[in-house]
Amino acid sequence: MRRASRADHPDWFNAPVPSFGSLEARLLCVGLAPGLRGANRTGRPFTGDFAGDLLYSTLAAFGLAEGRYGASAEDGFRLVDVRISNAVRCVPPGNKPLPAEFTACRPFLAAEIAAMAKLRGVLAIGRDAHQAVLSTLGLRKSAYPFGHGLLHHLPGGLVLADSYHCSRYNTNTGRLTEAMFHAAVGGLLGAVGTPHPQPW
């Protein structure tokens, strides 16, 4: 996929997309994988597509980001006490990662979580991200079923919060509204005791 994208769009990032935000953050948002015309193009998670519009506006509303989101890695937008990563680091064929891709990228997510000494909460953006986090932590998926708005208190004190993916498809069909996404983020912040402003 990346080889074809490099040939068609040599000016795009077209490489494994690094995480965005400080390792000192107390919160980690985990998505599925870079979008072809989003993070694969811009080189920053959730940047350049609709999912990023909703995610970043929500983080800003809760005081977890500063600046103006310009859908570009050079927009100067800054995260506050939150980091964003993906379960799969490269754009997958058809935007649907294969099990082998999750397995290959798991060590990167594991190393990232281990390096976040202050980590208190994880927001899983979508069912696949939820399952990837559990697999990375060596936990049984059946013990922590996915459900939008659910909070899971994991061994060691980490809180895992679930949200439907903030994709255009989910918002267009009404499966996920802005209010629902705000509620999921606010629920996680409340669970980990992080003070935050209420979004309008």
N, C-alpha and C. Protein backbone atom coordinates (compact mmCIF):
# COMPACT_ATOMS: atom_id res chain seq x y z
N MET A 1 0.83 -1.20 0.00
CA MET A 1 0.00 0.00 0.00
C MET A 1 0.87 1.26 0.00
N ARG A 2 1.87 1.28 0.88
CA ARG A 2 2.73 2.46 0.94
C ARG A 2 3.53 2.62 -0.35
N ARG A 3 3.94 1.49 -0.95
CA ARG A 3 4.71 1.56 -2.18
C ARG A 3 3.89 2.22 -3.29
N ALA A 4 2.62 1.82 -3.38
CA ALA A 4 1.74 2.42 -4.40
C ALA A 4 1.51 3.89 -4.10
N SER A 5 1.33 4.21 -2.82
CA SER A 5 1.08 5.60 -2.45
C SER A 5 2.31 6.46 -2.73
N ARG A 6 3.49 5.92 -2.50
CA ARG A 6 4.72 6.68 -2.80
C ARG A 6 4.82 6.98 -4.28
N ALA A 7 4.42 6.01 -5.10
CA ALA A 7 4.48 6.20 -6.55
C ALA A 7 3.45 7.23 -7.01
N ASP A 8 2.25 7.17 -6.41
CA ASP A 8 1.19 8.08 -6.83
C ASP A 8 1.31 9.46 -6.20
N HIS A 9 1.86 9.51 -4.99
CA HIS A 9 1.93 10.77 -4.25
C HIS A 9 3.29 10.89 -3.56
N PRO A 10 4.33 11.14 -4.31
CA PRO A 10 5.68 11.18 -3.72
C PRO A 10 5.88 12.31 -2.70
N ASP A 11 4.98 13.28 -2.67
CA ASP A 11 5.11 14.39 -1.73
C ASP A 11 4.41 14.11 -0.40
N TRP A 12 3.75 12.94 -0.27
CA TRP A 12 3.09 12.57 0.98
C TRP A 12 4.10 11.97 1.95
N PHE A 13 3.69 11.79 3.20
CA PHE A 13 4.56 11.22 4.22
C PHE A 13 4.90 9.77 3.90
N ASN A 14 3.88 8.93 3.67
CA ASN A 14 4.06 7.56 3.18
C ASN A 14 5.08 6.74 3.98
N ALA A 15 4.94 6.73 5.30
CA ALA A 15 5.87 6.00 6.16
C ALA A 15 5.14 5.68 7.47
N PRO A 16 5.73 4.84 8.33
CA PRO A 16 5.10 4.60 9.63
C PRO A 16 4.89 5.93 10.36
N VAL A 17 3.68 6.17 10.81
CA VAL A 17 3.33 7.46 11.40
C VAL A 17 3.68 7.47 12.90
N PRO A 18 4.52 8.38 13.33
CA PRO A 18 4.88 8.45 14.75
C PRO A 18 3.73 9.00 15.58
N SER A 19 3.77 8.73 16.87
CA SER A 19 2.75 9.25 17.78
C SER A 19 2.91 10.76 17.93
N PHE A 20 1.86 11.38 18.45
CA PHE A 20 1.82 12.83 18.61
C PHE A 20 1.55 13.14 20.08
N GLY A 21 2.38 13.97 20.69
CA GLY A 21 2.20 14.34 22.08
C GLY A 21 3.34 13.82 22.95
N SER A 22 3.38 14.28 24.18
CA SER A 22 4.48 13.98 25.08
C SER A 22 4.33 12.62 25.75
N LEU A 23 5.47 11.95 25.96
CA LEU A 23 5.46 10.72 26.74
C LEU A 23 5.20 10.98 28.22
N GLU A 24 5.22 12.25 28.62
CA GLU A 24 4.91 12.61 30.01
C GLU A 24 3.41 12.75 30.24
N ALA A 25 2.61 12.58 29.20
CA ALA A 25 1.16 12.76 29.32
C ALA A 25 0.54 11.68 30.20
N ARG A 26 -0.60 12.04 30.80
CA ARG A 26 -1.33 11.08 31.62
C ARG A 26 -2.41 10.35 30.85
N LEU A 27 -2.68 10.81 29.63
CA LEU A 27 -3.72 10.20 28.81
C LEU A 27 -3.15 9.77 27.46
N LEU A 28 -3.66 8.66 26.95
CA LEU A 28 -3.25 8.17 25.64
C LEU A 28 -4.49 7.82 24.84
N CYS A 29 -4.61 8.40 23.65
CA CYS A 29 -5.68 8.05 22.71
C CYS A 29 -5.10 7.07 21.70
N VAL A 30 -5.77 5.93 21.52
CA VAL A 30 -5.29 4.92 20.58
C VAL A 30 -6.32 4.72 19.49
N GLY A 31 -5.91 4.96 18.25
CA GLY A 31 -6.78 4.74 17.11
C GLY A 31 -6.44 3.45 16.40
N LEU A 32 -7.02 3.27 15.24
CA LEU A 32 -6.83 2.03 14.49
C LEU A 32 -5.55 2.05 13.68
N ALA A 33 -5.50 2.92 12.68
CA ALA A 33 -4.37 2.97 11.75
C ALA A 33 -4.41 4.30 11.00
N PRO A 34 -3.31 4.72 10.41
CA PRO A 34 -3.31 5.95 9.61
C PRO A 34 -4.27 5.84 8.43
N GLY A 35 -5.01 6.90 8.17
CA GLY A 35 -5.85 6.95 6.98
C GLY A 35 -5.00 7.28 5.76
N LEU A 36 -5.39 6.78 4.62
CA LEU A 36 -4.60 6.98 3.40
C LEU A 36 -4.39 8.47 3.11
N ARG A 37 -5.46 9.24 3.13
CA ARG A 37 -5.38 10.67 2.81
C ARG A 37 -5.30 11.54 4.07
N GLY A 38 -5.24 10.89 5.24
CA GLY A 38 -5.09 11.61 6.48
C GLY A 38 -3.66 11.52 6.97
N ALA A 39 -3.43 10.71 8.00
CA ALA A 39 -2.10 10.62 8.61
C ALA A 39 -1.03 10.11 7.65
N ASN A 40 -1.39 9.23 6.74
CA ASN A 40 -0.40 8.76 5.77
C ASN A 40 0.09 9.90 4.88
N ARG A 41 -0.75 10.89 4.68
CA ARG A 41 -0.38 12.05 3.86
C ARG A 41 0.36 13.09 4.69
N THR A 42 -0.13 13.34 5.91
CA THR A 42 0.40 14.45 6.70
C THR A 42 1.52 14.04 7.66
N GLY A 43 1.55 12.76 8.06
CA GLY A 43 2.58 12.30 8.98
C GLY A 43 2.26 12.53 10.45
N ARG A 44 1.00 12.84 10.77
CA ARG A 44 0.59 13.02 12.16
C ARG A 44 -0.74 12.30 12.38
N PRO A 45 -0.89 11.55 13.47
CA PRO A 45 -2.12 10.78 13.68
C PRO A 45 -3.38 11.64 13.60
N PHE A 46 -4.39 11.09 12.94
CA PHE A 46 -5.71 11.73 12.85
C PHE A 46 -5.64 13.14 12.27
N THR A 47 -4.70 13.41 11.43
CA THR A 47 -4.54 14.75 10.88
C THR A 47 -4.77 14.74 9.37
N GLY A 48 -5.75 15.52 8.94
CA GLY A 48 -6.02 15.64 7.51
C GLY A 48 -7.25 14.90 7.05
N ASP A 49 -8.03 14.33 7.99
CA ASP A 49 -9.28 13.68 7.59
C ASP A 49 -10.38 14.03 8.61
N PHE A 50 -11.59 13.58 8.36
CA PHE A 50 -12.72 13.98 9.19
C PHE A 50 -12.56 13.52 10.63
N ALA A 51 -12.03 12.31 10.83
CA ALA A 51 -11.88 11.78 12.19
C ALA A 51 -11.05 12.73 13.04
N GLY A 52 -10.02 13.31 12.43
CA GLY A 52 -9.19 14.26 13.15
C GLY A 52 -9.92 15.54 13.50
N ASP A 53 -10.83 15.98 12.62
CA ASP A 53 -11.61 17.18 12.91
C ASP A 53 -12.37 17.02 14.22
N LEU A 54 -13.02 15.87 14.40
CA LEU A 54 -13.81 15.64 15.61
C LEU A 54 -12.90 15.38 16.81
N LEU A 55 -11.86 14.57 16.63
CA LEU A 55 -10.98 14.27 17.76
C LEU A 55 -10.31 15.53 18.29
N TYR A 56 -9.70 16.31 17.42
CA TYR A 56 -8.93 17.46 17.88
C TYR A 56 -9.82 18.58 18.41
N SER A 57 -10.98 18.77 17.83
CA SER A 57 -11.89 19.78 18.37
C SER A 57 -12.38 19.38 19.76
N THR A 58 -12.56 18.08 19.97
CA THR A 58 -12.98 17.59 21.28
C THR A 58 -11.88 17.78 22.31
N LEU A 59 -10.65 17.44 21.96
CA LEU A 59 -9.53 17.62 22.89
C LEU A 59 -9.38 19.09 23.26
N ALA A 60 -9.53 19.97 22.28
CA ALA A 60 -9.43 21.40 22.56
C ALA A 60 -10.56 21.86 23.48
N ALA A 61 -11.76 21.33 23.28
CA ALA A 61 -12.90 21.71 24.10
C ALA A 61 -12.69 21.32 25.57
N PHE A 62 -11.94 20.25 25.81
CA PHE A 62 -11.68 19.79 27.17
C PHE A 62 -10.36 20.34 27.72
N GLY A 63 -9.74 21.26 27.01
CA GLY A 63 -8.50 21.85 27.49
C GLY A 63 -7.29 20.95 27.32
N LEU A 64 -7.41 19.95 26.45
CA LEU A 64 -6.32 19.01 26.22
C LEU A 64 -5.50 19.35 24.98
N ALA A 65 -5.76 20.48 24.40
CA ALA A 65 -5.00 20.94 23.23
C ALA A 65 -5.04 22.45 23.17
N GLU A 66 -4.03 23.01 22.53
CA GLU A 66 -3.92 24.46 22.40
C GLU A 66 -3.57 24.81 20.96
N GLY A 67 -4.03 25.97 20.52
CA GLY A 67 -3.73 26.44 19.18
C GLY A 67 -4.88 26.16 18.23
N ARG A 68 -4.64 26.41 16.96
CA ARG A 68 -5.67 26.19 15.93
C ARG A 68 -5.31 24.97 15.11
N TYR A 69 -6.22 24.00 15.10
CA TYR A 69 -6.00 22.80 14.31
C TYR A 69 -6.18 23.14 12.83
N GLY A 70 -5.12 22.97 12.06
CA GLY A 70 -5.17 23.30 10.65
C GLY A 70 -5.03 22.11 9.73
N ALA A 71 -5.24 20.89 10.28
CA ALA A 71 -5.19 19.66 9.49
C ALA A 71 -3.84 19.44 8.81
N SER A 72 -2.80 19.94 9.45
CA SER A 72 -1.45 19.81 8.93
C SER A 72 -0.48 19.60 10.10
N ALA A 73 0.55 18.83 9.88
CA ALA A 73 1.54 18.60 10.92
C ALA A 73 2.32 19.87 11.25
N GLU A 74 2.20 20.89 10.40
CA GLU A 74 2.90 22.16 10.62
C GLU A 74 1.96 23.27 11.10
N ASP A 75 0.80 22.91 11.64
CA ASP A 75 -0.17 23.94 12.02
C ASP A 75 0.10 24.55 13.40
N GLY A 76 1.08 24.01 14.14
CA GLY A 76 1.39 24.55 15.45
C GLY A 76 0.46 24.09 16.55
N PHE A 77 -0.47 23.22 16.23
CA PHE A 77 -1.41 22.70 17.22
C PHE A 77 -0.63 21.86 18.24
N ARG A 78 -0.96 22.02 19.52
CA ARG A 78 -0.20 21.36 20.59
C ARG A 78 -1.13 20.62 21.54
N LEU A 79 -0.74 19.41 21.90
CA LEU A 79 -1.52 18.62 22.85
C LEU A 79 -1.07 18.92 24.28
N VAL A 80 -2.01 18.83 25.22
CA VAL A 80 -1.73 19.11 26.63
C VAL A 80 -2.12 17.88 27.46
N ASP A 81 -1.13 17.21 28.02
CA ASP A 81 -1.33 16.05 28.91
C ASP A 81 -2.02 14.88 28.20
N VAL A 82 -1.89 14.81 26.89
CA VAL A 82 -2.46 13.69 26.14
C VAL A 82 -1.53 13.36 24.97
N ARG A 83 -1.49 12.10 24.61
CA ARG A 83 -0.68 11.62 23.48
C ARG A 83 -1.59 10.79 22.59
N ILE A 84 -1.32 10.80 21.29
CA ILE A 84 -2.16 10.07 20.34
C ILE A 84 -1.30 9.10 19.55
N SER A 85 -1.79 7.87 19.45
CA SER A 85 -1.07 6.83 18.73
C SER A 85 -2.08 5.98 17.95
N ASN A 86 -1.58 5.01 17.21
CA ASN A 86 -2.43 4.06 16.50
C ASN A 86 -1.95 2.65 16.77
N ALA A 87 -2.90 1.71 16.77
CA ALA A 87 -2.55 0.31 16.97
C ALA A 87 -1.69 -0.21 15.82
N VAL A 88 -1.94 0.28 14.62
CA VAL A 88 -1.17 -0.06 13.43
C VAL A 88 -0.53 1.22 12.92
N ARG A 89 0.76 1.18 12.64
CA ARG A 89 1.50 2.42 12.37
C ARG A 89 1.53 2.81 10.89
N CYS A 90 1.23 1.87 9.99
CA CYS A 90 1.26 2.16 8.55
C CYS A 90 -0.14 2.04 7.97
N VAL A 91 -0.39 2.78 6.90
CA VAL A 91 -1.70 2.72 6.26
C VAL A 91 -1.94 1.31 5.72
N PRO A 92 -3.08 0.69 6.09
CA PRO A 92 -3.35 -0.69 5.65
C PRO A 92 -4.13 -0.71 4.34
N PRO A 93 -4.07 -1.81 3.61
CA PRO A 93 -4.86 -1.94 2.38
C PRO A 93 -6.35 -1.85 2.69
N GLY A 94 -7.05 -1.00 1.98
CA GLY A 94 -8.49 -0.88 2.17
C GLY A 94 -8.87 -0.36 3.53
N ASN A 95 -7.93 0.25 4.24
CA ASN A 95 -8.18 0.79 5.58
C ASN A 95 -8.64 -0.29 6.57
N LYS A 96 -8.26 -1.55 6.31
CA LYS A 96 -8.65 -2.66 7.18
C LYS A 96 -7.40 -3.48 7.50
N PRO A 97 -6.75 -3.21 8.63
CA PRO A 97 -5.53 -3.94 8.97
C PRO A 97 -5.78 -5.44 9.13
N LEU A 98 -4.82 -6.22 8.71
CA LEU A 98 -4.87 -7.67 8.89
C LEU A 98 -4.34 -8.02 10.27
N PRO A 99 -4.72 -9.19 10.81
CA PRO A 99 -4.20 -9.60 12.12
C PRO A 99 -2.68 -9.55 12.20
N ALA A 100 -2.01 -9.87 11.11
CA ALA A 100 -0.54 -9.86 11.11
C ALA A 100 0.00 -8.44 11.33
N GLU A 101 -0.75 -7.43 10.85
CA GLU A 101 -0.30 -6.05 11.03
C GLU A 101 -0.43 -5.61 12.49
N PHE A 102 -1.52 -6.02 13.13
CA PHE A 102 -1.66 -5.74 14.56
C PHE A 102 -0.53 -6.38 15.35
N THR A 103 -0.22 -7.63 15.00
CA THR A 103 0.83 -8.36 15.71
C THR A 103 2.19 -7.69 15.50
N ALA A 104 2.46 -7.30 14.27
CA ALA A 104 3.76 -6.69 13.96
C ALA A 104 3.94 -5.35 14.67
N CYS A 105 2.85 -4.61 14.85
CA CYS A 105 2.95 -3.28 15.46
C CYS A 105 2.77 -3.29 16.97
N ARG A 106 2.36 -4.41 17.52
CA ARG A 106 2.10 -4.48 18.97
C ARG A 106 3.31 -4.08 19.81
N PRO A 107 4.53 -4.51 19.46
CA PRO A 107 5.68 -4.11 20.28
C PRO A 107 5.87 -2.60 20.37
N PHE A 108 5.50 -1.86 19.31
CA PHE A 108 5.63 -0.41 19.34
C PHE A 108 4.66 0.20 20.35
N LEU A 109 3.41 -0.30 20.35
CA LEU A 109 2.43 0.22 21.31
C LEU A 109 2.82 -0.19 22.73
N ALA A 110 3.33 -1.40 22.90
CA ALA A 110 3.75 -1.85 24.22
C ALA A 110 4.89 -0.99 24.76
N ALA A 111 5.85 -0.69 23.91
CA ALA A 111 6.98 0.15 24.33
C ALA A 111 6.51 1.55 24.67
N GLU A 112 5.55 2.04 23.92
CA GLU A 112 5.03 3.39 24.17
C GLU A 112 4.32 3.47 25.52
N ILE A 113 3.47 2.49 25.78
CA ILE A 113 2.76 2.47 27.06
C ILE A 113 3.74 2.34 28.22
N ALA A 114 4.74 1.49 28.04
CA ALA A 114 5.75 1.30 29.10
C ALA A 114 6.55 2.57 29.35
N ALA A 115 6.73 3.38 28.31
CA ALA A 115 7.53 4.61 28.44
C ALA A 115 6.74 5.76 29.05
N MET A 116 5.41 5.61 29.15
CA MET A 116 4.58 6.69 29.69
C MET A 116 4.40 6.48 31.19
N ALA A 117 5.37 6.94 31.96
CA ALA A 117 5.41 6.68 33.40
C ALA A 117 4.22 7.28 34.15
N LYS A 118 3.63 8.35 33.62
CA LYS A 118 2.52 9.03 34.30
C LYS A 118 1.16 8.61 33.75
N LEU A 119 1.12 7.62 32.87
CA LEU A 119 -0.12 7.24 32.20
C LEU A 119 -1.18 6.78 33.20
N ARG A 120 -2.37 7.37 33.08
CA ARG A 120 -3.49 7.02 33.96
C ARG A 120 -4.67 6.46 33.18
N GLY A 121 -4.87 6.96 31.95
CA GLY A 121 -6.05 6.54 31.20
C GLY A 121 -5.79 6.41 29.72
N VAL A 122 -6.51 5.47 29.10
CA VAL A 122 -6.40 5.24 27.66
C VAL A 122 -7.78 5.34 27.04
N LEU A 123 -7.90 6.11 25.97
CA LEU A 123 -9.14 6.17 25.20
C LEU A 123 -8.96 5.31 23.96
N ALA A 124 -9.75 4.24 23.87
CA ALA A 124 -9.73 3.38 22.69
C ALA A 124 -10.73 3.92 21.68
N ILE A 125 -10.24 4.35 20.54
CA ILE A 125 -11.11 4.94 19.51
C ILE A 125 -11.49 3.83 18.53
N GLY A 126 -12.56 3.14 18.87
CA GLY A 126 -13.03 2.03 18.05
C GLY A 126 -12.75 0.68 18.69
N ARG A 127 -13.53 -0.32 18.28
CA ARG A 127 -13.41 -1.66 18.84
C ARG A 127 -12.03 -2.28 18.58
N ASP A 128 -11.51 -2.08 17.38
CA ASP A 128 -10.20 -2.68 17.06
C ASP A 128 -9.11 -2.10 17.94
N ALA A 129 -9.17 -0.81 18.22
CA ALA A 129 -8.19 -0.19 19.11
C ALA A 129 -8.34 -0.74 20.52
N HIS A 130 -9.57 -0.91 20.97
CA HIS A 130 -9.85 -1.49 22.28
C HIS A 130 -9.20 -2.87 22.42
N GLN A 131 -9.41 -3.71 21.42
CA GLN A 131 -8.85 -5.06 21.47
C GLN A 131 -7.33 -5.03 21.37
N ALA A 132 -6.80 -4.10 20.60
CA ALA A 132 -5.35 -4.00 20.47
C ALA A 132 -4.70 -3.61 21.79
N VAL A 133 -5.35 -2.70 22.52
CA VAL A 133 -4.81 -2.28 23.83
C VAL A 133 -4.81 -3.46 24.79
N LEU A 134 -5.91 -4.21 24.82
CA LEU A 134 -5.98 -5.37 25.72
C LEU A 134 -4.93 -6.41 25.36
N SER A 135 -4.76 -6.67 24.06
CA SER A 135 -3.75 -7.63 23.63
C SER A 135 -2.36 -7.16 24.01
N THR A 136 -2.11 -5.88 23.85
CA THR A 136 -0.81 -5.31 24.19
C THR A 136 -0.51 -5.46 25.68
N LEU A 137 -1.54 -5.34 26.51
CA LEU A 137 -1.37 -5.44 27.95
C LEU A 137 -1.46 -6.88 28.45
N GLY A 138 -1.71 -7.81 27.53
CA GLY A 138 -1.79 -9.22 27.90
C GLY A 138 -3.04 -9.58 28.67
N LEU A 139 -4.15 -8.86 28.41
CA LEU A 139 -5.39 -9.08 29.12
C LEU A 139 -6.41 -9.79 28.24
N ARG A 140 -7.30 -10.56 28.87
CA ARG A 140 -8.33 -11.30 28.13
C ARG A 140 -9.40 -10.33 27.63
N LYS A 141 -9.70 -10.41 26.34
CA LYS A 141 -10.69 -9.52 25.76
C LYS A 141 -12.08 -9.79 26.32
N SER A 142 -12.36 -11.05 26.64
CA SER A 142 -13.68 -11.39 27.15
C SER A 142 -13.96 -10.77 28.51
N ALA A 143 -12.91 -10.41 29.23
CA ALA A 143 -13.07 -9.82 30.55
C ALA A 143 -13.42 -8.34 30.48
N TYR A 144 -13.16 -7.73 29.33
CA TYR A 144 -13.38 -6.29 29.18
C TYR A 144 -14.06 -6.04 27.83
N PRO A 145 -15.36 -6.32 27.72
CA PRO A 145 -16.05 -6.16 26.43
C PRO A 145 -16.13 -4.71 26.00
N PHE A 146 -16.06 -4.51 24.69
CA PHE A 146 -16.14 -3.16 24.14
C PHE A 146 -17.56 -2.64 24.18
N GLY A 147 -17.70 -1.37 24.49
CA GLY A 147 -19.00 -0.71 24.41
C GLY A 147 -18.81 0.78 24.52
N HIS A 148 -19.43 1.52 23.64
CA HIS A 148 -19.23 2.97 23.66
C HIS A 148 -19.59 3.54 25.04
N GLY A 149 -18.67 4.34 25.59
CA GLY A 149 -18.90 4.96 26.88
C GLY A 149 -18.52 4.12 28.08
N LEU A 150 -18.14 2.86 27.84
CA LEU A 150 -17.75 2.01 28.97
C LEU A 150 -16.38 2.40 29.51
N LEU A 151 -16.23 2.24 30.82
CA LEU A 151 -14.95 2.46 31.49
C LEU A 151 -14.50 1.14 32.10
N HIS A 152 -13.28 0.75 31.83
CA HIS A 152 -12.73 -0.50 32.34
C HIS A 152 -11.55 -0.18 33.26
N HIS A 153 -11.64 -0.62 34.49
CA HIS A 153 -10.55 -0.42 35.44
C HIS A 153 -9.64 -1.64 35.36
N LEU A 154 -8.47 -1.45 34.78
CA LEU A 154 -7.56 -2.54 34.48
C LEU A 154 -6.59 -2.78 35.64
N PRO A 155 -5.98 -3.95 35.67
CA PRO A 155 -4.97 -4.21 36.70
C PRO A 155 -3.86 -3.17 36.66
N GLY A 156 -3.40 -2.75 37.83
CA GLY A 156 -2.36 -1.74 37.89
C GLY A 156 -2.88 -0.32 37.98
N GLY A 157 -4.21 -0.16 37.92
CA GLY A 157 -4.81 1.16 38.09
C GLY A 157 -5.11 1.91 36.81
N LEU A 158 -4.77 1.37 35.64
CA LEU A 158 -5.04 2.05 34.38
C LEU A 158 -6.53 1.95 34.05
N VAL A 159 -7.08 3.05 33.53
CA VAL A 159 -8.48 3.07 33.11
C VAL A 159 -8.55 3.08 31.59
N LEU A 160 -9.33 2.18 31.03
CA LEU A 160 -9.54 2.11 29.58
C LEU A 160 -10.96 2.55 29.29
N ALA A 161 -11.11 3.58 28.46
CA ALA A 161 -12.42 4.09 28.07
C ALA A 161 -12.65 3.76 26.60
N ASP A 162 -13.88 3.41 26.27
CA ASP A 162 -14.23 3.03 24.91
C ASP A 162 -15.05 4.10 24.21
N SER A 163 -14.79 4.28 22.94
CA SER A 163 -15.63 5.12 22.09
C SER A 163 -15.75 4.50 20.71
N TYR A 164 -16.90 4.67 20.10
CA TYR A 164 -16.98 4.35 18.68
C TYR A 164 -15.96 5.21 17.95
N HIS A 165 -15.49 4.73 16.82
CA HIS A 165 -14.50 5.49 16.05
C HIS A 165 -15.14 6.77 15.52
N CYS A 166 -14.38 7.85 15.58
CA CYS A 166 -14.89 9.17 15.16
C CYS A 166 -14.75 9.36 13.65
N SER A 167 -15.15 8.36 12.89
CA SER A 167 -15.08 8.43 11.43
C SER A 167 -16.30 9.14 10.86
N ARG A 168 -16.17 9.59 9.64
CA ARG A 168 -17.31 10.24 8.98
C ARG A 168 -18.48 9.27 8.84
N TYR A 169 -18.19 8.01 8.57
CA TYR A 169 -19.26 7.02 8.42
C TYR A 169 -20.09 6.94 9.70
N ASN A 170 -19.42 6.83 10.84
CA ASN A 170 -20.14 6.71 12.11
C ASN A 170 -20.94 7.97 12.45
N THR A 171 -20.39 9.13 12.15
CA THR A 171 -21.12 10.36 12.46
C THR A 171 -22.25 10.60 11.46
N ASN A 172 -22.03 10.27 10.20
CA ASN A 172 -23.08 10.46 9.20
C ASN A 172 -24.28 9.55 9.44
N THR A 173 -24.02 8.35 9.97
CA THR A 173 -25.12 7.40 10.22
C THR A 173 -25.76 7.61 11.59
N GLY A 174 -25.19 8.51 12.39
CA GLY A 174 -25.73 8.76 13.71
C GLY A 174 -25.28 7.77 14.77
N ARG A 175 -24.41 6.86 14.40
CA ARG A 175 -23.88 5.91 15.38
C ARG A 175 -23.09 6.64 16.46
N LEU A 176 -22.40 7.71 16.05
CA LEU A 176 -21.64 8.53 16.99
C LEU A 176 -21.95 9.99 16.75
N THR A 177 -22.34 10.68 17.80
CA THR A 177 -22.56 12.12 17.73
C THR A 177 -21.42 12.84 18.47
N GLU A 178 -21.33 14.12 18.23
CA GLU A 178 -20.32 14.90 18.95
C GLU A 178 -20.55 14.80 20.46
N ALA A 179 -21.80 14.85 20.87
CA ALA A 179 -22.12 14.77 22.30
C ALA A 179 -21.69 13.42 22.88
N MET A 180 -21.89 12.36 22.12
CA MET A 180 -21.48 11.03 22.59
C MET A 180 -19.96 10.94 22.72
N PHE A 181 -19.25 11.53 21.78
CA PHE A 181 -17.80 11.49 21.83
C PHE A 181 -17.29 12.32 23.00
N HIS A 182 -17.90 13.48 23.20
CA HIS A 182 -17.55 14.32 24.35
C HIS A 182 -17.79 13.56 25.65
N ALA A 183 -18.89 12.83 25.71
CA ALA A 183 -19.21 12.09 26.93
C ALA A 183 -18.17 11.01 27.21
N ALA A 184 -17.68 10.34 26.17
CA ALA A 184 -16.67 9.30 26.35
C ALA A 184 -15.37 9.90 26.87
N VAL A 185 -14.95 11.02 26.28
CA VAL A 185 -13.73 11.68 26.73
C VAL A 185 -13.90 12.22 28.15
N GLY A 186 -15.03 12.86 28.42
CA GLY A 186 -15.29 13.40 29.74
C GLY A 186 -15.36 12.31 30.80
N GLY A 187 -15.91 11.15 30.43
CA GLY A 187 -15.98 10.04 31.35
C GLY A 187 -14.60 9.54 31.75
N LEU A 188 -13.70 9.48 30.79
CA LEU A 188 -12.34 9.05 31.09
C LEU A 188 -11.65 10.06 32.00
N LEU A 189 -11.80 11.34 31.69
CA LEU A 189 -11.17 12.37 32.51
C LEU A 189 -11.69 12.33 33.94
N GLY A 190 -12.97 12.12 34.09
CA GLY A 190 -13.54 12.02 35.42
C GLY A 190 -13.03 10.80 36.17
N ALA A 191 -12.85 9.69 35.45
CA ALA A 191 -12.42 8.45 36.08
C ALA A 191 -10.98 8.52 36.59
N VAL A 192 -10.16 9.29 35.89
CA VAL A 192 -8.75 9.39 36.30
C VAL A 192 -8.49 10.62 37.16
N GLY A 193 -9.55 11.39 37.43
CA GLY A 193 -9.40 12.54 38.32
C GLY A 193 -8.65 13.69 37.71
N THR A 194 -8.79 13.87 36.39
CA THR A 194 -8.12 14.97 35.72
C THR A 194 -9.07 16.16 35.61
N PRO A 195 -8.74 17.30 36.23
CA PRO A 195 -9.61 18.48 36.10
C PRO A 195 -9.70 18.91 34.63
N HIS A 196 -10.89 19.31 34.23
CA HIS A 196 -11.05 19.73 32.84
C HIS A 196 -12.26 20.66 32.74
N PRO A 197 -12.21 21.59 31.78
CA PRO A 197 -13.37 22.44 31.54
C PRO A 197 -14.46 21.65 30.83
N GLN A 198 -15.69 22.07 31.00
CA GLN A 198 -16.79 21.44 30.29
C GLN A 198 -16.91 22.06 28.90
N PRO A 199 -17.00 21.24 27.84
CA PRO A 199 -17.19 21.81 26.50
C PRO A 199 -18.57 22.41 26.36
N TRP A 200 -18.71 23.32 25.47
CA TRP A 200 -20.02 23.94 25.24
C TRP A 200 -20.96 22.89 24.64
